[in-house]
Amino acid sequence: MGAVTRDMPISVHINLMLLRASLSRPLLEKFTRSDEPAKALVARAHEGGELRADATAVDVSLLIEQLGKASLVEQFEGQRRTGLADAASSARQRTIAIALDGLRTGHGPLPGRPPAPDLLAERW
């Protein structure tokens, strides 16, 4: 894998973060405990006009956490139902694409108020 650079699109950064989170539970927990990487990512994405203005670092952290949870692929593989793994993998890629598209500019406002930064910290 090549080097990650600041000028890469936000979707590349988020995909890499999702990949890392799905591979390592300790990394996911470390990421959600330290909001600095998410704040920096969101600030760069806002500055570059790639991330919708009403998306916050907490929104992105929660999205990464939710998408990093056990997927249908893992569930079917755990059940030794490999015949469904390809369809489940395709569905996961589609879900991630929908989530990433929702982060881009050009959409209506998000519902509700932005989650407070302490929402993530309160569970620890």
PDB file of N, CA and C in Angstrom:
ATOM      1  N   MET A   1       0.845  -1.166   0.000  1.00  0.00           N
ATOM      2  CA  MET A   1       0.000   0.000   0.000  1.00  0.00           C
ATOM      3  C   MET A   1       0.889   1.227   0.000  1.00  0.00           C
ATOM      4  N   GLY A   2       0.556   2.234  -0.834  1.00  0.00           N
ATOM      5  CA  GLY A   2       1.348   3.449  -0.920  1.00  0.00           C
ATOM      6  C   GLY A   2       1.139   4.345   0.279  1.00  0.00           C
ATOM      7  N   ALA A   3       1.885   5.415   0.285  1.00  0.00           N
ATOM      8  CA  ALA A   3       1.799   6.372   1.377  1.00  0.00           C
ATOM      9  C   ALA A   3       0.481   7.138   1.320  1.00  0.00           C
ATOM     10  N   VAL A   4      -0.047   7.463   2.480  1.00  0.00           N
ATOM     11  CA  VAL A   4      -1.245   8.281   2.582  1.00  0.00           C
ATOM     12  C   VAL A   4      -0.791   9.729   2.617  1.00  0.00           C
ATOM     13  N   THR A   5      -1.357  10.549   1.756  1.00  0.00           N
ATOM     14  CA  THR A   5      -0.969  11.950   1.701  1.00  0.00           C
ATOM     15  C   THR A   5      -2.154  12.841   2.011  1.00  0.00           C
ATOM     16  N   ARG A   6      -1.841  14.075   2.400  1.00  0.00           N
ATOM     17  CA  ARG A   6      -2.887  15.034   2.760  1.00  0.00           C
ATOM     18  C   ARG A   6      -3.783  15.397   1.582  1.00  0.00           C
ATOM     19  N   ASP A   7      -3.274  15.275   0.362  1.00  0.00           N
ATOM     20  CA  ASP A   7      -4.059  15.701  -0.782  1.00  0.00           C
ATOM     21  C   ASP A   7      -4.953  14.598  -1.354  1.00  0.00           C
ATOM     22  N   MET A   8      -4.984  13.446  -0.693  1.00  0.00           N
ATOM     23  CA  MET A   8      -5.887  12.375  -1.135  1.00  0.00           C
ATOM     24  C   MET A   8      -7.329  12.750  -0.789  1.00  0.00           C
ATOM     25  N   PRO A   9      -8.297  12.306  -1.576  1.00  0.00           N
ATOM     26  CA  PRO A   9      -9.707  12.590  -1.271  1.00  0.00           C
ATOM     27  C   PRO A   9     -10.105  12.024   0.095  1.00  0.00           C
ATOM     28  N   ILE A  10     -11.085  12.660   0.704  1.00  0.00           N
ATOM     29  CA  ILE A  10     -11.581  12.235   2.019  1.00  0.00           C
ATOM     30  C   ILE A  10     -12.016  10.778   1.989  1.00  0.00           C
ATOM     31  N   SER A  11     -12.581  10.318   0.882  1.00  0.00           N
ATOM     32  CA  SER A  11     -13.061   8.941   0.810  1.00  0.00           C
ATOM     33  C   SER A  11     -11.912   7.944   0.967  1.00  0.00           C
ATOM     34  N   VAL A  12     -10.725   8.291   0.462  1.00  0.00           N
ATOM     35  CA  VAL A  12      -9.570   7.404   0.612  1.00  0.00           C
ATOM     36  C   VAL A  12      -9.183   7.306   2.079  1.00  0.00           C
ATOM     37  N   HIS A  13      -9.133   8.445   2.763  1.00  0.00           N
ATOM     38  CA  HIS A  13      -8.781   8.444   4.179  1.00  0.00           C
ATOM     39  C   HIS A  13      -9.795   7.646   5.002  1.00  0.00           C
ATOM     40  N   ILE A  14     -11.067   7.863   4.741  1.00  0.00           N
ATOM     41  CA  ILE A  14     -12.099   7.157   5.503  1.00  0.00           C
ATOM     42  C   ILE A  14     -12.072   5.668   5.190  1.00  0.00           C
ATOM     43  N   ASN A  15     -11.893   5.307   3.928  1.00  0.00           N
ATOM     44  CA  ASN A  15     -11.801   3.883   3.593  1.00  0.00           C
ATOM     45  C   ASN A  15     -10.630   3.223   4.300  1.00  0.00           C
ATOM     46  N   LEU A  16      -9.486   3.904   4.349  1.00  0.00           N
ATOM     47  CA  LEU A  16      -8.332   3.345   5.064  1.00  0.00           C
ATOM     48  C   LEU A  16      -8.624   3.212   6.549  1.00  0.00           C
ATOM     49  N   MET A  17      -9.293   4.212   7.107  1.00  0.00           N
ATOM     50  CA  MET A  17      -9.635   4.137   8.528  1.00  0.00           C
ATOM     51  C   MET A  17     -10.622   3.005   8.788  1.00  0.00           C
ATOM     52  N   LEU A  18     -11.588   2.821   7.897  1.00  0.00           N
ATOM     53  CA  LEU A  18     -12.544   1.718   8.046  1.00  0.00           C
ATOM     54  C   LEU A  18     -11.836   0.372   7.957  1.00  0.00           C
ATOM     55  N   LEU A  19     -10.931   0.254   7.000  1.00  0.00           N
ATOM     56  CA  LEU A  19     -10.184  -0.989   6.857  1.00  0.00           C
ATOM     57  C   LEU A  19      -9.405  -1.293   8.125  1.00  0.00           C
ATOM     58  N   ARG A  20      -8.706  -0.298   8.614  1.00  0.00           N
ATOM     59  CA  ARG A  20      -7.921  -0.505   9.841  1.00  0.00           C
ATOM     60  C   ARG A  20      -8.825  -0.860  11.016  1.00  0.00           C
ATOM     61  N   ALA A  21      -9.951  -0.152  11.133  1.00  0.00           N
ATOM     62  CA  ALA A  21     -10.864  -0.414  12.250  1.00  0.00           C
ATOM     63  C   ALA A  21     -11.454  -1.812  12.165  1.00  0.00           C
ATOM     64  N   SER A  22     -11.763  -2.266  10.963  1.00  0.00           N
ATOM     65  CA  SER A  22     -12.371  -3.591  10.835  1.00  0.00           C
ATOM     66  C   SER A  22     -11.349  -4.695  11.088  1.00  0.00           C
ATOM     67  N   LEU A  23     -10.076  -4.386  10.934  1.00  0.00           N
ATOM     68  CA  LEU A  23      -9.046  -5.387  11.156  1.00  0.00           C
ATOM     69  C   LEU A  23      -8.586  -5.453  12.603  1.00  0.00           C
ATOM     70  N   SER A  24      -8.799  -4.401  13.355  1.00  0.00           N
ATOM     71  CA  SER A  24      -8.217  -4.339  14.683  1.00  0.00           C
ATOM     72  C   SER A  24      -9.148  -3.652  15.672  1.00  0.00           C
ATOM     73  N   ARG A  25      -9.757  -4.411  16.565  1.00  0.00           N
ATOM     74  CA  ARG A  25     -10.625  -3.848  17.598  1.00  0.00           C
ATOM     75  C   ARG A  25      -9.846  -2.891  18.509  1.00  0.00           C
ATOM     76  N   PRO A  26      -8.614  -3.226  18.958  1.00  0.00           N
ATOM     77  CA  PRO A  26      -7.874  -2.270  19.788  1.00  0.00           C
ATOM     78  C   PRO A  26      -7.642  -0.936  19.082  1.00  0.00           C
ATOM     79  N   LEU A  27      -7.406  -0.971  17.770  1.00  0.00           N
ATOM     80  CA  LEU A  27      -7.211   0.275  17.033  1.00  0.00           C
ATOM     81  C   LEU A  27      -8.498   1.082  17.035  1.00  0.00           C
ATOM     82  N   LEU A  28      -9.617   0.422  16.829  1.00  0.00           N
ATOM     83  CA  LEU A  28     -10.896   1.113  16.835  1.00  0.00           C
ATOM     84  C   LEU A  28     -11.129   1.775  18.183  1.00  0.00           C
ATOM     85  N   GLU A  29     -10.866   1.045  19.271  1.00  0.00           N
ATOM     86  CA  GLU A  29     -11.056   1.612  20.600  1.00  0.00           C
ATOM     87  C   GLU A  29     -10.109   2.780  20.839  1.00  0.00           C
ATOM     88  N   LYS A  30      -8.877   2.652  20.402  1.00  0.00           N
ATOM     89  CA  LYS A  30      -7.909   3.741  20.550  1.00  0.00           C
ATOM     90  C   LYS A  30      -8.365   4.956  19.759  1.00  0.00           C
ATOM     91  N   PHE A  31      -8.844   4.729  18.532  1.00  0.00           N
ATOM     92  CA  PHE A  31      -9.298   5.833  17.710  1.00  0.00           C
ATOM     93  C   PHE A  31     -10.460   6.562  18.368  1.00  0.00           C
ATOM     94  N   THR A  32     -11.435   5.830  18.896  1.00  0.00           N
ATOM     95  CA  THR A  32     -12.598   6.476  19.473  1.00  0.00           C
ATOM     96  C   THR A  32     -12.270   7.143  20.799  1.00  0.00           C
ATOM     97  N   ARG A  33     -11.194   6.744  21.461  1.00  0.00           N
ATOM     98  CA  ARG A  33     -10.771   7.412  22.688  1.00  0.00           C
ATOM     99  C   ARG A  33     -10.025   8.704  22.391  1.00  0.00           C
ATOM    100  N   SER A  34      -9.366   8.774  21.277  1.00  0.00           N
ATOM    101  CA  SER A  34      -8.610   9.956  20.903  1.00  0.00           C
ATOM    102  C   SER A  34      -9.267  10.570  19.683  1.00  0.00           C
ATOM    103  N   ASP A  35      -9.886  11.730  19.879  1.00  0.00           N
ATOM    104  CA  ASP A  35     -10.602  12.329  18.762  1.00  0.00           C
ATOM    105  C   ASP A  35      -9.728  13.237  17.903  1.00  0.00           C
ATOM    106  N   GLU A  36      -8.460  13.367  18.226  1.00  0.00           N
ATOM    107  CA  GLU A  36      -7.584  14.234  17.436  1.00  0.00           C
ATOM    108  C   GLU A  36      -7.457  13.798  15.973  1.00  0.00           C
ATOM    109  N   PRO A  37      -7.257  12.511  15.678  1.00  0.00           N
ATOM    110  CA  PRO A  37      -7.176  12.126  14.258  1.00  0.00           C
ATOM    111  C   PRO A  37      -8.459  12.453  13.491  1.00  0.00           C
ATOM    112  N   ALA A  38      -9.593  12.222  14.111  1.00  0.00           N
ATOM    113  CA  ALA A  38     -10.865  12.514  13.441  1.00  0.00           C
ATOM    114  C   ALA A  38     -11.041  14.014  13.244  1.00  0.00           C
ATOM    115  N   LYS A  39     -10.673  14.804  14.263  1.00  0.00           N
ATOM    116  CA  LYS A  39     -10.782  16.261  14.131  1.00  0.00           C
ATOM    117  C   LYS A  39      -9.906  16.769  12.993  1.00  0.00           C
ATOM    118  N   ALA A  40      -8.687  16.265  12.902  1.00  0.00           N
ATOM    119  CA  ALA A  40      -7.769  16.690  11.844  1.00  0.00           C
ATOM    120  C   ALA A  40      -8.305  16.282  10.471  1.00  0.00           C
ATOM    121  N   LEU A  41      -8.811  15.064  10.359  1.00  0.00           N
ATOM    122  CA  LEU A  41      -9.365  14.574   9.096  1.00  0.00           C
ATOM    123  C   LEU A  41     -10.557  15.418   8.670  1.00  0.00           C
ATOM    124  N   VAL A  42     -11.450  15.681   9.598  1.00  0.00           N
ATOM    125  CA  VAL A  42     -12.651  16.454   9.286  1.00  0.00           C
ATOM    126  C   VAL A  42     -12.277  17.894   8.930  1.00  0.00           C
ATOM    127  N   ALA A  43     -11.339  18.478   9.645  1.00  0.00           N
ATOM    128  CA  ALA A  43     -10.913  19.849   9.331  1.00  0.00           C
ATOM    129  C   ALA A  43     -10.340  19.931   7.924  1.00  0.00           C
ATOM    130  N   ARG A  44      -9.479  18.978   7.559  1.00  0.00           N
ATOM    131  CA  ARG A  44      -8.905  18.974   6.206  1.00  0.00           C
ATOM    132  C   ARG A  44      -9.988  18.782   5.152  1.00  0.00           C
ATOM    133  N   ALA A  45     -10.935  17.907   5.441  1.00  0.00           N
ATOM    134  CA  ALA A  45     -12.010  17.648   4.472  1.00  0.00           C
ATOM    135  C   ALA A  45     -12.919  18.863   4.323  1.00  0.00           C
ATOM    136  N   HIS A  46     -13.212  19.550   5.435  1.00  0.00           N
ATOM    137  CA  HIS A  46     -14.010  20.775   5.350  1.00  0.00           C
ATOM    138  C   HIS A  46     -13.252  21.843   4.562  1.00  0.00           C
ATOM    139  N   GLU A  47     -11.971  22.023   4.865  1.00  0.00           N
ATOM    140  CA  GLU A  47     -11.153  23.017   4.158  1.00  0.00           C
ATOM    141  C   GLU A  47     -11.096  22.729   2.659  1.00  0.00           C
ATOM    142  N   GLY A  48     -11.046  21.465   2.307  1.00  0.00           N
ATOM    143  CA  GLY A  48     -10.984  21.081   0.900  1.00  0.00           C
ATOM    144  C   GLY A  48     -12.330  21.055   0.206  1.00  0.00           C
ATOM    145  N   GLY A  49     -13.406  21.326   0.941  1.00  0.00           N
ATOM    146  CA  GLY A  49     -14.739  21.329   0.350  1.00  0.00           C
ATOM    147  C   GLY A  49     -15.265  19.953  -0.011  1.00  0.00           C
ATOM    148  N   GLU A  50     -14.693  18.911   0.570  1.00  0.00           N
ATOM    149  CA  GLU A  50     -15.110  17.549   0.231  1.00  0.00           C
ATOM    150  C   GLU A  50     -16.133  16.978   1.215  1.00  0.00           C
ATOM    151  N   LEU A  51     -16.192  17.544   2.408  1.00  0.00           N
ATOM    152  CA  LEU A  51     -17.077  17.016   3.453  1.00  0.00           C
ATOM    153  C   LEU A  51     -18.186  18.019   3.723  1.00  0.00           C
ATOM    154  N   ARG A  52     -19.392  17.525   3.802  1.00  0.00           N
ATOM    155  CA  ARG A  52     -20.535  18.392   4.074  1.00  0.00           C
ATOM    156  C   ARG A  52     -20.268  19.221   5.327  1.00  0.00           C
ATOM    157  N   ALA A  53     -20.691  20.461   5.324  1.00  0.00           N
ATOM    158  CA  ALA A  53     -20.372  21.410   6.391  1.00  0.00           C
ATOM    159  C   ALA A  53     -20.946  21.006   7.740  1.00  0.00           C
ATOM    160  N   ASP A  54     -22.061  20.271   7.753  1.00  0.00           N
ATOM    161  CA  ASP A  54     -22.688  19.930   9.029  1.00  0.00           C
ATOM    162  C   ASP A  54     -22.223  18.590   9.602  1.00  0.00           C
ATOM    163  N   ALA A  55     -21.267  17.934   8.967  1.00  0.00           N
ATOM    164  CA  ALA A  55     -20.703  16.689   9.509  1.00  0.00           C
ATOM    165  C   ALA A  55     -19.566  17.040  10.469  1.00  0.00           C
ATOM    166  N   THR A  56     -19.581  16.435  11.643  1.00  0.00           N
ATOM    167  CA  THR A  56     -18.576  16.716  12.667  1.00  0.00           C
ATOM    168  C   THR A  56     -17.618  15.540  12.828  1.00  0.00           C
ATOM    169  N   ALA A  57     -16.570  15.769  13.585  1.00  0.00           N
ATOM    170  CA  ALA A  57     -15.616  14.690  13.884  1.00  0.00           C
ATOM    171  C   ALA A  57     -16.311  13.558  14.638  1.00  0.00           C
ATOM    172  N   VAL A  58     -17.254  13.886  15.497  1.00  0.00           N
ATOM    173  CA  VAL A  58     -17.983  12.848  16.231  1.00  0.00           C
ATOM    174  C   VAL A  58     -18.845  12.038  15.268  1.00  0.00           C
ATOM    175  N   ASP A  59     -19.486  12.714  14.318  1.00  0.00           N
ATOM    176  CA  ASP A  59     -20.270  11.996  13.300  1.00  0.00           C
ATOM    177  C   ASP A  59     -19.397  10.979  12.568  1.00  0.00           C
ATOM    178  N   VAL A  60     -18.216  11.424  12.125  1.00  0.00           N
ATOM    179  CA  VAL A  60     -17.310  10.553  11.379  1.00  0.00           C
ATOM    180  C   VAL A  60     -16.820   9.408  12.262  1.00  0.00           C
ATOM    181  N   SER A  61     -16.487   9.701  13.519  1.00  0.00           N
ATOM    182  CA  SER A  61     -16.038   8.648  14.439  1.00  0.00           C
ATOM    183  C   SER A  61     -17.118   7.596  14.648  1.00  0.00           C
ATOM    184  N   LEU A  62     -18.350   8.043  14.841  1.00  0.00           N
ATOM    185  CA  LEU A  62     -19.459   7.104  15.032  1.00  0.00           C
ATOM    186  C   LEU A  62     -19.707   6.277  13.769  1.00  0.00           C
ATOM    187  N   LEU A  63     -19.594   6.920  12.616  1.00  0.00           N
ATOM    188  CA  LEU A  63     -19.775   6.190  11.356  1.00  0.00           C
ATOM    189  C   LEU A  63     -18.707   5.116  11.189  1.00  0.00           C
ATOM    190  N   ILE A  64     -17.475   5.470  11.459  1.00  0.00           N
ATOM    191  CA  ILE A  64     -16.382   4.500  11.355  1.00  0.00           C
ATOM    192  C   ILE A  64     -16.597   3.353  12.331  1.00  0.00           C
ATOM    193  N   GLU A  65     -17.015   3.673  13.535  1.00  0.00           N
ATOM    194  CA  GLU A  65     -17.265   2.621  14.529  1.00  0.00           C
ATOM    195  C   GLU A  65     -18.362   1.679  14.057  1.00  0.00           C
ATOM    196  N   GLN A  66     -19.463   2.227  13.564  1.00  0.00           N
ATOM    197  CA  GLN A  66     -20.582   1.393  13.131  1.00  0.00           C
ATOM    198  C   GLN A  66     -20.221   0.544  11.914  1.00  0.00           C
ATOM    199  N   LEU A  67     -19.504   1.121  10.967  1.00  0.00           N
ATOM    200  CA  LEU A  67     -19.132   0.365   9.774  1.00  0.00           C
ATOM    201  C   LEU A  67     -18.011  -0.629  10.059  1.00  0.00           C
ATOM    202  N   GLY A  68     -17.301  -0.453  11.166  1.00  0.00           N
ATOM    203  CA  GLY A  68     -16.225  -1.365  11.531  1.00  0.00           C
ATOM    204  C   GLY A  68     -16.708  -2.585  12.300  1.00  0.00           C
ATOM    205  N   LYS A  69     -17.973  -2.609  12.665  1.00  0.00           N
ATOM    206  CA  LYS A  69     -18.514  -3.752  13.417  1.00  0.00           C
ATOM    207  C   LYS A  69     -18.611  -4.982  12.520  1.00  0.00           C
ATOM    208  N   ALA A  70     -18.839  -6.128  13.141  1.00  0.00           N
ATOM    209  CA  ALA A  70     -18.924  -7.395  12.401  1.00  0.00           C
ATOM    210  C   ALA A  70     -19.895  -7.268  11.232  1.00  0.00           C
ATOM    211  N   SER A  71     -19.420  -7.643  10.087  1.00  0.00           N
ATOM    212  CA  SER A  71     -20.233  -7.533   8.879  1.00  0.00           C
ATOM    213  C   SER A  71     -20.926  -8.854   8.574  1.00  0.00           C
ATOM    214  N   LEU A  72     -21.827  -8.819   7.623  1.00  0.00           N
ATOM    215  CA  LEU A  72     -22.489 -10.050   7.168  1.00  0.00           C
ATOM    216  C   LEU A  72     -21.465 -11.058   6.668  1.00  0.00           C
ATOM    217  N   VAL A  73     -20.402 -10.560   6.031  1.00  0.00           N
ATOM    218  CA  VAL A  73     -19.362 -11.457   5.530  1.00  0.00           C
ATOM    219  C   VAL A  73     -18.796 -12.283   6.685  1.00  0.00           C
ATOM    220  N   GLU A  74     -18.432 -11.614   7.772  1.00  0.00           N
ATOM    221  CA  GLU A  74     -17.881 -12.312   8.936  1.00  0.00           C
ATOM    222  C   GLU A  74     -18.899 -13.280   9.541  1.00  0.00           C
ATOM    223  N   GLN A  75     -20.153 -12.851   9.585  1.00  0.00           N
ATOM    224  CA  GLN A  75     -21.190 -13.707  10.147  1.00  0.00           C
ATOM    225  C   GLN A  75     -21.372 -14.973   9.313  1.00  0.00           C
ATOM    226  N   PHE A  76     -21.457 -14.810   7.997  1.00  0.00           N
ATOM    227  CA  PHE A  76     -21.630 -15.983   7.135  1.00  0.00           C
ATOM    228  C   PHE A  76     -20.399 -16.878   7.160  1.00  0.00           C
ATOM    229  N   GLU A  77     -19.223 -16.283   7.171  1.00  0.00           N
ATOM    230  CA  GLU A  77     -18.002 -17.094   7.247  1.00  0.00           C
ATOM    231  C   GLU A  77     -17.958 -17.850   8.573  1.00  0.00           C
ATOM    232  N   GLY A  78     -18.372 -17.197   9.658  1.00  0.00           N
ATOM    233  CA  GLY A  78     -18.415 -17.852  10.966  1.00  0.00           C
ATOM    234  C   GLY A  78     -19.395 -19.011  11.003  1.00  0.00           C
ATOM    235  N   GLN A  79     -20.432 -18.921  10.197  1.00  0.00           N
ATOM    236  CA  GLN A  79     -21.430 -19.990  10.099  1.00  0.00           C
ATOM    237  C   GLN A  79     -21.060 -21.004   9.023  1.00  0.00           C
ATOM    238  N   ARG A  80     -19.917 -20.804   8.394  1.00  0.00           N
ATOM    239  CA  ARG A  80     -19.436 -21.656   7.294  1.00  0.00           C
ATOM    240  C   ARG A  80     -20.426 -21.679   6.121  1.00  0.00           C
ATOM    241  N   ARG A  81     -21.065 -20.540   5.892  1.00  0.00           N
ATOM    242  CA  ARG A  81     -22.001 -20.387   4.775  1.00  0.00           C
ATOM    243  C   ARG A  81     -21.323 -19.546   3.700  1.00  0.00           C
ATOM    244  N   THR A  82     -20.260 -20.076   3.146  1.00  0.00           N
ATOM    245  CA  THR A  82     -19.426 -19.334   2.211  1.00  0.00           C
ATOM    246  C   THR A  82     -20.132 -19.004   0.896  1.00  0.00           C
ATOM    247  N   GLY A  83     -21.194 -19.701   0.600  1.00  0.00           N
ATOM    248  CA  GLY A  83     -21.937 -19.423  -0.625  1.00  0.00           C
ATOM    249  C   GLY A  83     -22.571 -18.039  -0.620  1.00  0.00           C
ATOM    250  N   LEU A  84     -22.763 -17.461   0.551  1.00  0.00           N
ATOM    251  CA  LEU A  84     -23.365 -16.140   0.657  1.00  0.00           C
ATOM    252  C   LEU A  84     -22.317 -15.046   0.860  1.00  0.00           C
ATOM    253  N   ALA A  85     -21.057 -15.413   0.980  1.00  0.00           N
ATOM    254  CA  ALA A  85     -19.999 -14.446   1.284  1.00  0.00           C
ATOM    255  C   ALA A  85     -19.847 -13.397   0.183  1.00  0.00           C
ATOM    256  N   ASP A  86     -19.925 -13.789  -1.074  1.00  0.00           N
ATOM    257  CA  ASP A  86     -19.777 -12.815  -2.164  1.00  0.00           C
ATOM    258  C   ASP A  86     -20.904 -11.788  -2.150  1.00  0.00           C
ATOM    259  N   ALA A  87     -22.125 -12.249  -1.963  1.00  0.00           N
ATOM    260  CA  ALA A  87     -23.258 -11.328  -1.915  1.00  0.00           C
ATOM    261  C   ALA A  87     -23.151 -10.402  -0.700  1.00  0.00           C
ATOM    262  N   ALA A  88     -22.704 -10.945   0.419  1.00  0.00           N
ATOM    263  CA  ALA A  88     -22.542 -10.140   1.629  1.00  0.00           C
ATOM    264  C   ALA A  88     -21.428  -9.115   1.447  1.00  0.00           C
ATOM    265  N   SER A  89     -20.354  -9.495   0.791  1.00  0.00           N
ATOM    266  CA  SER A  89     -19.250  -8.574   0.526  1.00  0.00           C
ATOM    267  C   SER A  89     -19.714  -7.435  -0.382  1.00  0.00           C
ATOM    268  N   SER A  90     -20.483  -7.762  -1.391  1.00  0.00           N
ATOM    269  CA  SER A  90     -21.024  -6.748  -2.290  1.00  0.00           C
ATOM    270  C   SER A  90     -21.951  -5.794  -1.531  1.00  0.00           C
ATOM    271  N   ALA A  91     -22.778  -6.329  -0.657  1.00  0.00           N
ATOM    272  CA  ALA A  91     -23.686  -5.494   0.133  1.00  0.00           C
ATOM    273  C   ALA A  91     -22.902  -4.565   1.059  1.00  0.00           C
ATOM    274  N   ARG A  92     -21.804  -5.060   1.647  1.00  0.00           N
ATOM    275  CA  ARG A  92     -20.980  -4.223   2.531  1.00  0.00           C
ATOM    276  C   ARG A  92     -20.349  -3.083   1.736  1.00  0.00           C
ATOM    277  N   GLN A  93     -19.827  -3.376   0.566  1.00  0.00           N
ATOM    278  CA  GLN A  93     -19.224  -2.329  -0.269  1.00  0.00           C
ATOM    279  C   GLN A  93     -20.279  -1.277  -0.645  1.00  0.00           C
ATOM    280  N   ARG A  94     -21.481  -1.736  -0.929  1.00  0.00           N
ATOM    281  CA  ARG A  94     -22.571  -0.824  -1.275  1.00  0.00           C
ATOM    282  C   ARG A  94     -22.930   0.063  -0.083  1.00  0.00           C
ATOM    283  N   THR A  95     -23.018  -0.522   1.105  1.00  0.00           N
ATOM    284  CA  THR A  95     -23.354   0.240   2.310  1.00  0.00           C
ATOM    285  C   THR A  95     -22.295   1.299   2.595  1.00  0.00           C
ATOM    286  N   ILE A  96     -21.029   0.935   2.459  1.00  0.00           N
ATOM    287  CA  ILE A  96     -19.946   1.896   2.680  1.00  0.00           C
ATOM    288  C   ILE A  96     -20.019   3.012   1.645  1.00  0.00           C
ATOM    289  N   ALA A  97     -20.302   2.678   0.398  1.00  0.00           N
ATOM    290  CA  ALA A  97     -20.417   3.697  -0.654  1.00  0.00           C
ATOM    291  C   ALA A  97     -21.562   4.664  -0.350  1.00  0.00           C
ATOM    292  N   ILE A  98     -22.679   4.144   0.133  1.00  0.00           N
ATOM    293  CA  ILE A  98     -23.821   4.998   0.495  1.00  0.00           C
ATOM    294  C   ILE A  98     -23.418   5.929   1.640  1.00  0.00           C
ATOM    295  N   ALA A  99     -22.738   5.392   2.638  1.00  0.00           N
ATOM    296  CA  ALA A  99     -22.307   6.207   3.781  1.00  0.00           C
ATOM    297  C   ALA A  99     -21.337   7.295   3.340  1.00  0.00           C
ATOM    298  N   LEU A 100     -20.369   6.935   2.510  1.00  0.00           N
ATOM    299  CA  LEU A 100     -19.392   7.922   2.041  1.00  0.00           C
ATOM    300  C   LEU A 100     -20.057   8.997   1.186  1.00  0.00           C
ATOM    301  N   ASP A 101     -21.009   8.608   0.348  1.00  0.00           N
ATOM    302  CA  ASP A 101     -21.710   9.593  -0.473  1.00  0.00           C
ATOM    303  C   ASP A 101     -22.470  10.570   0.415  1.00  0.00           C
ATOM    304  N   GLY A 102     -23.025  10.079   1.497  1.00  0.00           N
ATOM    305  CA  GLY A 102     -23.762  10.941   2.417  1.00  0.00           C
ATOM    306  C   GLY A 102     -22.879  11.952   3.127  1.00  0.00           C
ATOM    307  N   LEU A 103     -21.581  11.714   3.175  1.00  0.00           N
ATOM    308  CA  LEU A 103     -20.653  12.655   3.791  1.00  0.00           C
ATOM    309  C   LEU A 103     -20.261  13.791   2.842  1.00  0.00           C
ATOM    310  N   ARG A 104     -20.469  13.593   1.562  1.00  0.00           N
ATOM    311  CA  ARG A 104     -20.063  14.600   0.581  1.00  0.00           C
ATOM    312  C   ARG A 104     -20.981  15.815   0.621  1.00  0.00           C
ATOM    313  N   THR A 105     -20.467  16.909   0.113  1.00  0.00           N
ATOM    314  CA  THR A 105     -21.267  18.132   0.027  1.00  0.00           C
ATOM    315  C   THR A 105     -22.386  17.944  -0.990  1.00  0.00           C
ATOM    316  N   GLY A 106     -23.366  18.840  -0.927  1.00  0.00           N
ATOM    317  CA  GLY A 106     -24.440  18.810  -1.911  1.00  0.00           C
ATOM    318  C   GLY A 106     -25.703  18.116  -1.449  1.00  0.00           C
ATOM    319  N   HIS A 107     -25.799  17.805  -0.184  1.00  0.00           N
ATOM    320  CA  HIS A 107     -27.003  17.166   0.357  1.00  0.00           C
ATOM    321  C   HIS A 107     -27.727  18.145   1.280  1.00  0.00           C
ATOM    322  N   GLY A 108     -28.979  17.856   1.564  1.00  0.00           N
ATOM    323  CA  GLY A 108     -29.725  18.656   2.526  1.00  0.00           C
ATOM    324  C   GLY A 108     -29.150  18.490   3.925  1.00  0.00           C
ATOM    325  N   PRO A 109     -29.654  19.256   4.880  1.00  0.00           N
ATOM    326  CA  PRO A 109     -29.114  19.198   6.238  1.00  0.00           C
ATOM    327  C   PRO A 109     -29.356  17.838   6.905  1.00  0.00           C
ATOM    328  N   LEU A 110     -28.447  17.498   7.782  1.00  0.00           N
ATOM    329  CA  LEU A 110     -28.595  16.268   8.563  1.00  0.00           C
ATOM    330  C   LEU A 110     -29.703  16.445   9.591  1.00  0.00           C
ATOM    331  N   PRO A 111     -30.402  15.383   9.953  1.00  0.00           N
ATOM    332  CA  PRO A 111     -31.457  15.504  10.963  1.00  0.00           C
ATOM    333  C   PRO A 111     -30.864  15.661  12.361  1.00  0.00           C
ATOM    334  N   GLY A 112     -31.607  16.299  13.228  1.00  0.00           N
ATOM    335  CA  GLY A 112     -31.208  16.424  14.627  1.00  0.00           C
ATOM    336  C   GLY A 112     -30.006  17.331  14.833  1.00  0.00           C
ATOM    337  N   ARG A 113     -29.575  17.392  16.087  1.00  0.00           N
ATOM    338  CA  ARG A 113     -28.404  18.193  16.436  1.00  0.00           C
ATOM    339  C   ARG A 113     -27.153  17.342  16.323  1.00  0.00           C
ATOM    340  N   PRO A 114     -26.004  17.965  16.071  1.00  0.00           N
ATOM    341  CA  PRO A 114     -24.755  17.197  16.035  1.00  0.00           C
ATOM    342  C   PRO A 114     -24.485  16.560  17.400  1.00  0.00           C
ATOM    343  N   PRO A 115     -23.943  15.358  17.426  1.00  0.00           N
ATOM    344  CA  PRO A 115     -23.619  14.732  18.715  1.00  0.00           C
ATOM    345  C   PRO A 115     -22.492  15.498  19.408  1.00  0.00           C
ATOM    346  N   ALA A 116     -22.598  15.626  20.717  1.00  0.00           N
ATOM    347  CA  ALA A 116     -21.577  16.327  21.506  1.00  0.00           C
ATOM    348  C   ALA A 116     -20.308  15.485  21.570  1.00  0.00           C
ATOM    349  N   PRO A 117     -19.136  16.126  21.631  1.00  0.00           N
ATOM    350  CA  PRO A 117     -17.878  15.372  21.702  1.00  0.00           C
ATOM    351  C   PRO A 117     -17.799  14.404  22.876  1.00  0.00           C
ATOM    352  N   ASP A 118     -18.446  14.748  24.001  1.00  0.00           N
ATOM    353  CA  ASP A 118     -18.362  13.856  25.158  1.00  0.00           C
ATOM    354  C   ASP A 118     -19.220  12.604  25.021  1.00  0.00           C
ATOM    355  N   LEU A 119     -20.037  12.523  23.973  1.00  0.00           N
ATOM    356  CA  LEU A 119     -20.861  11.331  23.753  1.00  0.00           C
ATOM    357  C   LEU A 119     -19.991  10.091  23.643  1.00  0.00           C
ATOM    358  N   LEU A 120     -18.893  10.170  22.915  1.00  0.00           N
ATOM    359  CA  LEU A 120     -17.991   9.033  22.776  1.00  0.00           C
ATOM    360  C   LEU A 120     -17.243   8.752  24.072  1.00  0.00           C
ATOM    361  N   ALA A 121     -16.801   9.783  24.741  1.00  0.00           N
ATOM    362  CA  ALA A 121     -15.981   9.620  25.947  1.00  0.00           C
ATOM    363  C   ALA A 121     -16.775   9.070  27.127  1.00  0.00           C
ATOM    364  N   GLU A 122     -18.062   9.337  27.184  1.00  0.00           N
ATOM    365  CA  GLU A 122     -18.867   8.913  28.329  1.00  0.00           C
ATOM    366  C   GLU A 122     -18.912   7.402  28.539  1.00  0.00           C
ATOM    367  N   ARG A 123     -18.735   6.643  27.514  1.00  0.00           N
ATOM    368  CA  ARG A 123     -18.792   5.178  27.675  1.00  0.00           C
ATOM    369  C   ARG A 123     -17.511   4.612  28.269  1.00  0.00           C
ATOM    370  N   TRP A 124     -16.430   5.357  28.259  1.00  0.00           N
ATOM    371  CA  TRP A 124     -15.181   4.863  28.809  1.00  0.00           C
ATOM    372  C   TRP A 124     -15.138   5.195  30.251  1.00  0.00           C
TER     373      TRP A 124
END
